[in-house]
Amino acid sequence: VLRDRIGELLQLVGMEDARHRRVGGYSKGML
């Protein structure tokens, strides 16, 4: 349930390409 939800949310917010990047390297918009 959680694995499916993670994939759905990353797609919804347009962050699939950055799913494996560390949050410390995110821009303000990505955060």
Full PDB file with SEQRES, HELIX, SHEET, SSBOND, CRYST1, ORIGX, SCALE, CONECT and MASTER records, all heavy atoms in Angstrom:
SEQRES   1 A   31  VAL LEU ARG ASP ARG ILE GLY GLU LEU LEU GLN LEU VAL          
SEQRES   2 A   31  GLY MET GLU ASP ALA ARG HIS ARG ARG VAL GLY GLY TYR          
SEQRES   3 A   31  SER LYS GLY MET LEU                                          
HELIX    1 AA1 LEU A    2  LEU A   12  1                                  11    
HELIX    2 AA2 GLU A   16  ALA A   18  5                                   3    
HELIX    3 AA3 VAL A   23  GLY A   25  5                                   3    
CRYST1    1.000    1.000    1.000  90.00  90.00  90.00 P 1           1          
ORIGX1      1.000000  0.000000  0.000000        0.00000                         
ORIGX2      0.000000  1.000000  0.000000        0.00000                         
ORIGX3      0.000000  0.000000  1.000000        0.00000                         
SCALE1      1.000000  0.000000  0.000000        0.00000                         
SCALE2      0.000000  1.000000  0.000000        0.00000                         
SCALE3      0.000000  0.000000  1.000000        0.00000                         
ATOM      1  N   VAL A   1       0.835  -1.201   0.000  1.00  0.00           N  
ATOM      2  CA  VAL A   1       0.000   0.000   0.000  1.00  0.00           C  
ATOM      3  C   VAL A   1       0.872   1.254   0.000  1.00  0.00           C  
ATOM      4  O   VAL A   1       0.651   2.190  -0.775  1.00  0.00           O  
ATOM      5  CB  VAL A   1      -0.957   0.010   1.218  1.00  0.00           C  
ATOM      6  CG1 VAL A   1      -1.699   1.346   1.313  1.00  0.00           C  
ATOM      7  CG2 VAL A   1      -1.950  -1.136   1.114  1.00  0.00           C  
ATOM      8  N   LEU A   2       1.893   1.267   0.860  1.00  0.00           N  
ATOM      9  CA  LEU A   2       2.764   2.429   0.931  1.00  0.00           C  
ATOM     10  C   LEU A   2       3.640   2.540  -0.318  1.00  0.00           C  
ATOM     11  O   LEU A   2       3.847   3.644  -0.833  1.00  0.00           O  
ATOM     12  CB  LEU A   2       3.648   2.348   2.184  1.00  0.00           C  
ATOM     13  CG  LEU A   2       4.630   3.509   2.391  1.00  0.00           C  
ATOM     14  CD1 LEU A   2       3.908   4.850   2.389  1.00  0.00           C  
ATOM     15  CD2 LEU A   2       5.419   3.325   3.690  1.00  0.00           C  
ATOM     16  N   ARG A   3       4.141   1.408  -0.829  1.00  0.00           N  
ATOM     17  CA  ARG A   3       4.970   1.454  -2.045  1.00  0.00           C  
ATOM     18  C   ARG A   3       4.183   2.035  -3.215  1.00  0.00           C  
ATOM     19  O   ARG A   3       4.689   2.872  -3.961  1.00  0.00           O  
ATOM     20  CB  ARG A   3       5.478   0.053  -2.386  1.00  0.00           C  
ATOM     21  CG  ARG A   3       6.573  -0.457  -1.465  1.00  0.00           C  
ATOM     22  CD  ARG A   3       7.299  -1.647  -2.078  1.00  0.00           C  
ATOM     23  NE  ARG A   3       6.381  -2.755  -2.352  1.00  0.00           N  
ATOM     24  CZ  ARG A   3       6.057  -3.708  -1.479  1.00  0.00           C  
ATOM     25  NH1 ARG A   3       6.580  -3.677  -0.251  1.00  0.00           N  
ATOM     26  NH2 ARG A   3       5.238  -4.687  -1.797  1.00  0.00           N  
ATOM     27  N   ASP A   4       2.945   1.590  -3.375  1.00  0.00           N  
ATOM     28  CA  ASP A   4       2.104   2.106  -4.458  1.00  0.00           C  
ATOM     29  C   ASP A   4       1.798   3.588  -4.267  1.00  0.00           C  
ATOM     30  O   ASP A   4       1.772   4.364  -5.226  1.00  0.00           O  
ATOM     31  CB  ASP A   4       0.795   1.318  -4.544  1.00  0.00           C  
ATOM     32  CG  ASP A   4       1.005  -0.119  -5.009  1.00  0.00           C  
ATOM     33  OD1 ASP A   4       2.113  -0.413  -5.528  1.00  0.00           O  
ATOM     34  OD2 ASP A   4       0.089  -0.944  -4.839  1.00  0.00           O  
ATOM     35  N   ARG A   5       1.576   3.968  -3.008  1.00  0.00           N  
ATOM     36  CA  ARG A   5       1.255   5.367  -2.713  1.00  0.00           C  
ATOM     37  C   ARG A   5       2.452   6.269  -3.007  1.00  0.00           C  
ATOM     38  O   ARG A   5       2.284   7.385  -3.521  1.00  0.00           O  
ATOM     39  CB  ARG A   5       0.841   5.489  -1.241  1.00  0.00           C  
ATOM     40  CG  ARG A   5       0.362   6.882  -0.826  1.00  0.00           C  
ATOM     41  CD  ARG A   5      -0.886   7.266  -1.554  1.00  0.00           C  
ATOM     42  NE  ARG A   5      -1.409   8.550  -1.083  1.00  0.00           N  
ATOM     43  CZ  ARG A   5      -2.230   9.310  -1.784  1.00  0.00           C  
ATOM     44  NH1 ARG A   5      -2.642   8.925  -2.982  1.00  0.00           N  
ATOM     45  NH2 ARG A   5      -2.656  10.462  -1.300  1.00  0.00           N  
ATOM     46  N   ILE A   6       3.650   5.816  -2.700  1.00  0.00           N  
ATOM     47  CA  ILE A   6       4.859   6.602  -2.978  1.00  0.00           C  
ATOM     48  C   ILE A   6       4.987   6.860  -4.478  1.00  0.00           C  
ATOM     49  O   ILE A   6       5.233   7.988  -4.919  1.00  0.00           O  
ATOM     50  CB  ILE A   6       6.110   5.884  -2.442  1.00  0.00           C  
ATOM     51  CG1 ILE A   6       6.106   5.877  -0.906  1.00  0.00           C  
ATOM     52  CG2 ILE A   6       7.388   6.557  -2.956  1.00  0.00           C  
ATOM     53  CD1 ILE A   6       7.183   5.003  -0.296  1.00  0.00           C  
ATOM     54  N   GLY A   7       4.804   5.820  -5.283  1.00  0.00           N  
ATOM     55  CA  GLY A   7       4.891   5.982  -6.726  1.00  0.00           C  
ATOM     56  C   GLY A   7       3.831   6.926  -7.269  1.00  0.00           C  
ATOM     57  O   GLY A   7       4.116   7.768  -8.135  1.00  0.00           O  
ATOM     58  N   GLU A   8       2.610   6.817  -6.747  1.00  0.00           N  
ATOM     59  CA  GLU A   8       1.524   7.690  -7.191  1.00  0.00           C  
ATOM     60  C   GLU A   8       1.812   9.142  -6.854  1.00  0.00           C  
ATOM     61  O   GLU A   8       1.606  10.044  -7.682  1.00  0.00           O  
ATOM     62  CB  GLU A   8       0.213   7.257  -6.528  1.00  0.00           C  
ATOM     63  CG  GLU A   8      -0.976   8.142  -6.879  1.00  0.00           C  
ATOM     64  CD  GLU A   8      -2.209   7.817  -6.056  1.00  0.00           C  
ATOM     65  OE1 GLU A   8      -2.183   6.827  -5.290  1.00  0.00           O  
ATOM     66  OE2 GLU A   8      -3.205   8.564  -6.165  1.00  0.00           O  
ATOM     67  N   LEU A   9       2.316   9.395  -5.646  1.00  0.00           N  
ATOM     68  CA  LEU A   9       2.574  10.770  -5.216  1.00  0.00           C  
ATOM     69  C   LEU A   9       3.749  11.388  -5.966  1.00  0.00           C  
ATOM     70  O   LEU A   9       3.706  12.563  -6.341  1.00  0.00           O  
ATOM     71  CB  LEU A   9       2.828  10.806  -3.709  1.00  0.00           C  
ATOM     72  CG  LEU A   9       1.608  10.541  -2.832  1.00  0.00           C  
ATOM     73  CD1 LEU A   9       2.012  10.414  -1.370  1.00  0.00           C  
ATOM     74  CD2 LEU A   9       0.568  11.642  -2.998  1.00  0.00           C  
ATOM     75  N   LEU A  10       4.807  10.625  -6.192  1.00  0.00           N  
ATOM     76  CA  LEU A  10       5.946  11.153  -6.945  1.00  0.00           C  
ATOM     77  C   LEU A  10       5.531  11.536  -8.360  1.00  0.00           C  
ATOM     78  O   LEU A  10       5.985  12.544  -8.906  1.00  0.00           O  
ATOM     79  CB  LEU A  10       7.078  10.121  -6.982  1.00  0.00           C  
ATOM     80  CG  LEU A  10       7.841   9.920  -5.672  1.00  0.00           C  
ATOM     81  CD1 LEU A  10       8.754   8.711  -5.759  1.00  0.00           C  
ATOM     82  CD2 LEU A  10       8.640  11.168  -5.310  1.00  0.00           C  
ATOM     83  N   GLN A  11       4.641  10.745  -8.953  1.00  0.00           N  
ATOM     84  CA  GLN A  11       4.135  11.079 -10.279  1.00  0.00           C  
ATOM     85  C   GLN A  11       3.249  12.314 -10.224  1.00  0.00           C  
ATOM     86  O   GLN A  11       3.331  13.198 -11.088  1.00  0.00           O  
ATOM     87  CB  GLN A  11       3.349   9.901 -10.852  1.00  0.00           C  
ATOM     88  CG  GLN A  11       2.815  10.144 -12.268  1.00  0.00           C  
ATOM     89  CD  GLN A  11       2.077   8.941 -12.816  1.00  0.00           C  
ATOM     90  OE1 GLN A  11       1.683   8.042 -12.085  1.00  0.00           O  
ATOM     91  NE2 GLN A  11       1.884   8.907 -14.125  1.00  0.00           N  
ATOM     92  N   LEU A  12       2.409  12.408  -9.183  1.00  0.00           N  
ATOM     93  CA  LEU A  12       1.489  13.529  -9.049  1.00  0.00           C  
ATOM     94  C   LEU A  12       2.228  14.858  -8.934  1.00  0.00           C  
ATOM     95  O   LEU A  12       1.840  15.857  -9.561  1.00  0.00           O  
ATOM     96  CB  LEU A  12       0.597  13.330  -7.820  1.00  0.00           C  
ATOM     97  CG  LEU A  12      -0.387  14.461  -7.487  1.00  0.00           C  
ATOM     98  CD1 LEU A  12      -1.440  14.606  -8.587  1.00  0.00           C  
ATOM     99  CD2 LEU A  12      -1.044  14.221  -6.134  1.00  0.00           C  
ATOM    100  N   VAL A  13       3.306  14.894  -8.149  1.00  0.00           N  
ATOM    101  CA  VAL A  13       4.026  16.150  -7.926  1.00  0.00           C  
ATOM    102  C   VAL A  13       5.190  16.343  -8.900  1.00  0.00           C  
ATOM    103  O   VAL A  13       5.949  17.303  -8.779  1.00  0.00           O  
ATOM    104  CB  VAL A  13       4.545  16.238  -6.471  1.00  0.00           C  
ATOM    105  CG1 VAL A  13       3.394  16.145  -5.495  1.00  0.00           C  
ATOM    106  CG2 VAL A  13       5.584  15.163  -6.175  1.00  0.00           C  
ATOM    107  N   GLY A  14       5.329  15.429  -9.874  1.00  0.00           N  
ATOM    108  CA  GLY A  14       6.368  15.585 -10.886  1.00  0.00           C  
ATOM    109  C   GLY A  14       7.774  15.396 -10.366  1.00  0.00           C  
ATOM    110  O   GLY A  14       8.707  16.089 -10.801  1.00  0.00           O  
ATOM    111  N   MET A  15       7.967  14.450  -9.438  1.00  0.00           N  
ATOM    112  CA  MET A  15       9.292  14.243  -8.836  1.00  0.00           C  
ATOM    113  C   MET A  15       9.840  12.840  -9.088  1.00  0.00           C  
ATOM    114  O   MET A  15      10.730  12.378  -8.382  1.00  0.00           O  
ATOM    115  CB  MET A  15       9.206  14.504  -7.323  1.00  0.00           C  
ATOM    116  CG  MET A  15       8.903  15.938  -6.944  1.00  0.00           C  
ATOM    117  SD  MET A  15      10.295  17.022  -7.242  1.00  0.00           S  
ATOM    118  CE  MET A  15      11.381  16.518  -5.911  1.00  0.00           C  
ATOM    119  N   GLU A  16       9.320  12.160 -10.094  1.00  0.00           N  
ATOM    120  CA  GLU A  16       9.785  10.796 -10.359  1.00  0.00           C  
ATOM    121  C   GLU A  16      11.264  10.763 -10.707  1.00  0.00           C  
ATOM    122  O   GLU A  16      11.994   9.845 -10.292  1.00  0.00           O  
ATOM    123  CB  GLU A  16       8.967  10.195 -11.502  1.00  0.00           C  
ATOM    124  CG  GLU A  16       7.523   9.878 -11.128  1.00  0.00           C  
ATOM    125  CD  GLU A  16       6.748   9.351 -12.319  1.00  0.00           C  
ATOM    126  OE1 GLU A  16       6.531  10.116 -13.269  1.00  0.00           O  
ATOM    127  OE2 GLU A  16       6.365   8.170 -12.275  1.00  0.00           O  
ATOM    128  N   ASP A  17      11.736  11.746 -11.470  1.00  0.00           N  
ATOM    129  CA  ASP A  17      13.141  11.754 -11.880  1.00  0.00           C  
ATOM    130  C   ASP A  17      14.085  12.034 -10.719  1.00  0.00           C  
ATOM    131  O   ASP A  17      15.287  11.747 -10.819  1.00  0.00           O  
ATOM    132  CB  ASP A  17      13.362  12.801 -12.980  1.00  0.00           C  
ATOM    133  CG  ASP A  17      12.650  12.441 -14.276  1.00  0.00           C  
ATOM    134  OD1 ASP A  17      12.303  11.257 -14.442  1.00  0.00           O  
ATOM    135  OD2 ASP A  17      12.427  13.348 -15.098  1.00  0.00           O  
ATOM    136  N   ALA A  18      13.556  12.615  -9.622  1.00  0.00           N  
ATOM    137  CA  ALA A  18      14.402  12.974  -8.477  1.00  0.00           C  
ATOM    138  C   ALA A  18      14.134  12.080  -7.269  1.00  0.00           C  
ATOM    139  O   ALA A  18      14.564  12.403  -6.168  1.00  0.00           O  
ATOM    140  CB  ALA A  18      14.184  14.436  -8.096  1.00  0.00           C  
ATOM    141  N   ARG A  19      13.474  10.949  -7.483  1.00  0.00           N  
ATOM    142  CA  ARG A  19      13.085  10.112  -6.345  1.00  0.00           C  
ATOM    143  C   ARG A  19      14.292   9.547  -5.601  1.00  0.00           C  
ATOM    144  O   ARG A  19      14.220   9.304  -4.393  1.00  0.00           O  
ATOM    145  CB  ARG A  19      12.154   8.983  -6.804  1.00  0.00           C  
ATOM    146  CG  ARG A  19      12.788   7.964  -7.712  1.00  0.00           C  
ATOM    147  CD  ARG A  19      11.747   6.981  -8.251  1.00  0.00           C  
ATOM    148  NE  ARG A  19      11.056   6.298  -7.182  1.00  0.00           N  
ATOM    149  CZ  ARG A  19       9.849   5.716  -7.319  1.00  0.00           C  
ATOM    150  NH1 ARG A  19       9.220   5.785  -8.468  1.00  0.00           N  
ATOM    151  NH2 ARG A  19       9.301   5.088  -6.312  1.00  0.00           N  
ATOM    152  N   HIS A  20      15.424   9.330  -6.300  1.00  0.00           N  
ATOM    153  CA  HIS A  20      16.597   8.745  -5.660  1.00  0.00           C  
ATOM    154  C   HIS A  20      17.660   9.782  -5.315  1.00  0.00           C  
ATOM    155  O   HIS A  20      18.751   9.423  -4.866  1.00  0.00           O  
ATOM    156  CB  HIS A  20      17.201   7.665  -6.558  1.00  0.00           C  
ATOM    157  CG  HIS A  20      16.267   6.527  -6.836  1.00  0.00           C  
ATOM    158  ND1 HIS A  20      15.665   5.784  -5.835  1.00  0.00           N  
ATOM    159  CD2 HIS A  20      15.803   6.022  -8.017  1.00  0.00           C  
ATOM    160  CE1 HIS A  20      14.892   4.856  -6.372  1.00  0.00           C  
ATOM    161  NE2 HIS A  20      14.952   4.983  -7.693  1.00  0.00           N  
ATOM    162  N   ARG A  21      17.362  11.067  -5.525  1.00  0.00           N  
ATOM    163  CA  ARG A  21      18.291  12.133  -5.150  1.00  0.00           C  
ATOM    164  C   ARG A  21      18.079  12.513  -3.694  1.00  0.00           C  
ATOM    165  O   ARG A  21      16.952  12.507  -3.190  1.00  0.00           O  
ATOM    166  CB  ARG A  21      18.083  13.356  -6.032  1.00  0.00           C  
ATOM    167  CG  ARG A  21      18.601  13.184  -7.452  1.00  0.00           C  
ATOM    168  CD  ARG A  21      18.265  14.384  -8.302  1.00  0.00           C  
ATOM    169  NE  ARG A  21      18.724  15.640  -7.701  1.00  0.00           N  
ATOM    170  CZ  ARG A  21      18.451  16.837  -8.212  1.00  0.00           C  
ATOM    171  NH1 ARG A  21      17.718  16.943  -9.312  1.00  0.00           N  
ATOM    172  NH2 ARG A  21      18.896  17.926  -7.617  1.00  0.00           N  
ATOM    173  N   ARG A  22      19.146  12.873  -3.005  1.00  0.00           N  
ATOM    174  CA  ARG A  22      19.021  13.277  -1.608  1.00  0.00           C  
ATOM    175  C   ARG A  22      18.338  14.644  -1.519  1.00  0.00           C  
ATOM    176  O   ARG A  22      18.596  15.539  -2.333  1.00  0.00           O  
ATOM    177  CB  ARG A  22      20.391  13.320  -0.928  1.00  0.00           C  
ATOM    178  CG  ARG A  22      21.063  11.949  -0.855  1.00  0.00           C  
ATOM    179  CD  ARG A  22      22.265  11.953   0.062  1.00  0.00           C  
ATOM    180  NE  ARG A  22      22.960  10.674   0.022  1.00  0.00           N  
ATOM    181  CZ  ARG A  22      22.589   9.592   0.716  1.00  0.00           C  
ATOM    182  NH1 ARG A  22      21.526   9.659   1.498  1.00  0.00           N  
ATOM    183  NH2 ARG A  22      23.266   8.468   0.618  1.00  0.00           N  
ATOM    184  N   VAL A  23      17.498  14.786  -0.508  1.00  0.00           N  
ATOM    185  CA  VAL A  23      16.719  16.012  -0.331  1.00  0.00           C  
ATOM    186  C   VAL A  23      17.631  17.224  -0.137  1.00  0.00           C  
ATOM    187  O   VAL A  23      17.267  18.343  -0.504  1.00  0.00           O  
ATOM    188  CB  VAL A  23      15.749  15.850   0.868  1.00  0.00           C  
ATOM    189  CG1 VAL A  23      15.074  17.161   1.210  1.00  0.00           C  
ATOM    190  CG2 VAL A  23      14.706  14.788   0.551  1.00  0.00           C  
ATOM    191  N   GLY A  24      18.840  17.023   0.422  1.00  0.00           N  
ATOM    192  CA  GLY A  24      19.760  18.120   0.642  1.00  0.00           C  
ATOM    193  C   GLY A  24      20.166  18.831  -0.633  1.00  0.00           C  
ATOM    194  O   GLY A  24      20.614  19.976  -0.584  1.00  0.00           O  
ATOM    195  N   GLY A  25      19.991  18.184  -1.788  1.00  0.00           N  
ATOM    196  CA  GLY A  25      20.336  18.799  -3.059  1.00  0.00           C  
ATOM    197  C   GLY A  25      19.148  19.356  -3.810  1.00  0.00           C  
ATOM    198  O   GLY A  25      19.287  19.783  -4.963  1.00  0.00           O  
ATOM    199  N   TYR A  26      17.960  19.387  -3.173  1.00  0.00           N  
ATOM    200  CA  TYR A  26      16.745  19.884  -3.828  1.00  0.00           C  
ATOM    201  C   TYR A  26      16.715  21.415  -3.837  1.00  0.00           C  
ATOM    202  O   TYR A  26      17.196  22.075  -2.904  1.00  0.00           O  
ATOM    203  CB  TYR A  26      15.498  19.392  -3.098  1.00  0.00           C  
ATOM    204  CG  TYR A  26      15.088  17.965  -3.409  1.00  0.00           C  
ATOM    205  CD1 TYR A  26      15.880  17.148  -4.206  1.00  0.00           C  
ATOM    206  CD2 TYR A  26      13.902  17.441  -2.904  1.00  0.00           C  
ATOM    207  CE1 TYR A  26      15.496  15.846  -4.477  1.00  0.00           C  
ATOM    208  CE2 TYR A  26      13.507  16.147  -3.186  1.00  0.00           C  
ATOM    209  CZ  TYR A  26      14.309  15.348  -3.967  1.00  0.00           C  
ATOM    210  OH  TYR A  26      13.930  14.063  -4.251  1.00  0.00           O  
ATOM    211  N   SER A  27      16.104  21.978  -4.870  1.00  0.00           N  
ATOM    212  CA  SER A  27      15.830  23.416  -4.906  1.00  0.00           C  
ATOM    213  C   SER A  27      14.622  23.718  -4.025  1.00  0.00           C  
ATOM    214  O   SER A  27      13.929  22.802  -3.545  1.00  0.00           O  
ATOM    215  CB  SER A  27      15.539  23.866  -6.340  1.00  0.00           C  
ATOM    216  OG  SER A  27      14.319  23.285  -6.799  1.00  0.00           O  
ATOM    217  N   LYS A  28      14.316  25.026  -3.828  1.00  0.00           N  
ATOM    218  CA  LYS A  28      13.165  25.405  -2.997  1.00  0.00           C  
ATOM    219  C   LYS A  28      11.866  24.879  -3.609  1.00  0.00           C  
ATOM    220  O   LYS A  28      10.994  24.373  -2.886  1.00  0.00           O  
ATOM    221  CB  LYS A  28      13.100  26.925  -2.863  1.00  0.00           C  
ATOM    222  CG  LYS A  28      11.921  27.433  -2.031  1.00  0.00           C  
ATOM    223  CD  LYS A  28      12.022  27.013  -0.583  1.00  0.00           C  
ATOM    224  CE  LYS A  28      10.785  27.419   0.218  1.00  0.00           C  
ATOM    225  NZ  LYS A  28      10.624  28.860   0.385  1.00  0.00           N  
ATOM    226  N   GLY A  29      11.734  24.967  -4.928  1.00  0.00           N  
ATOM    227  CA  GLY A  29      10.529  24.464  -5.567  1.00  0.00           C  
ATOM    228  C   GLY A  29      10.375  22.965  -5.417  1.00  0.00           C  
ATOM    229  O   GLY A  29       9.267  22.455  -5.206  1.00  0.00           O  
ATOM    230  N   MET A  30      11.489  22.229  -5.509  1.00  0.00           N  
ATOM    231  CA  MET A  30      11.443  20.774  -5.332  1.00  0.00           C  
ATOM    232  C   MET A  30      11.080  20.414  -3.899  1.00  0.00           C  
ATOM    233  O   MET A  30      10.336  19.452  -3.652  1.00  0.00           O  
ATOM    234  CB  MET A  30      12.783  20.158  -5.725  1.00  0.00           C  
ATOM    235  CG  MET A  30      13.123  20.325  -7.200  1.00  0.00           C  
ATOM    236  SD  MET A  30      14.818  19.839  -7.590  1.00  0.00           S  
ATOM    237  CE  MET A  30      14.714  18.058  -7.442  1.00  0.00           C  
ATOM    238  N   LEU A  31      11.594  21.180  -2.938  1.00  0.00           N  
ATOM    239  CA  LEU A  31      11.248  20.932  -1.536  1.00  0.00           C  
ATOM    240  C   LEU A  31       9.758  21.141  -1.293  1.00  0.00           C  
ATOM    241  O   LEU A  31       9.126  20.390  -0.541  1.00  0.00           O  
ATOM    242  CB  LEU A  31      12.064  21.847  -0.619  1.00  0.00           C  
ATOM    243  CG  LEU A  31      13.547  21.509  -0.441  1.00  0.00           C  
ATOM    244  CD1 LEU A  31      14.250  22.602   0.338  1.00  0.00           C  
ATOM    245  CD2 LEU A  31      13.704  20.159   0.251  1.00  0.00           C  
TER     246      LEU A  31                                                      
MASTER        0    0    0    3    0    0    0    6  245    1    0    3          
END                                                                             
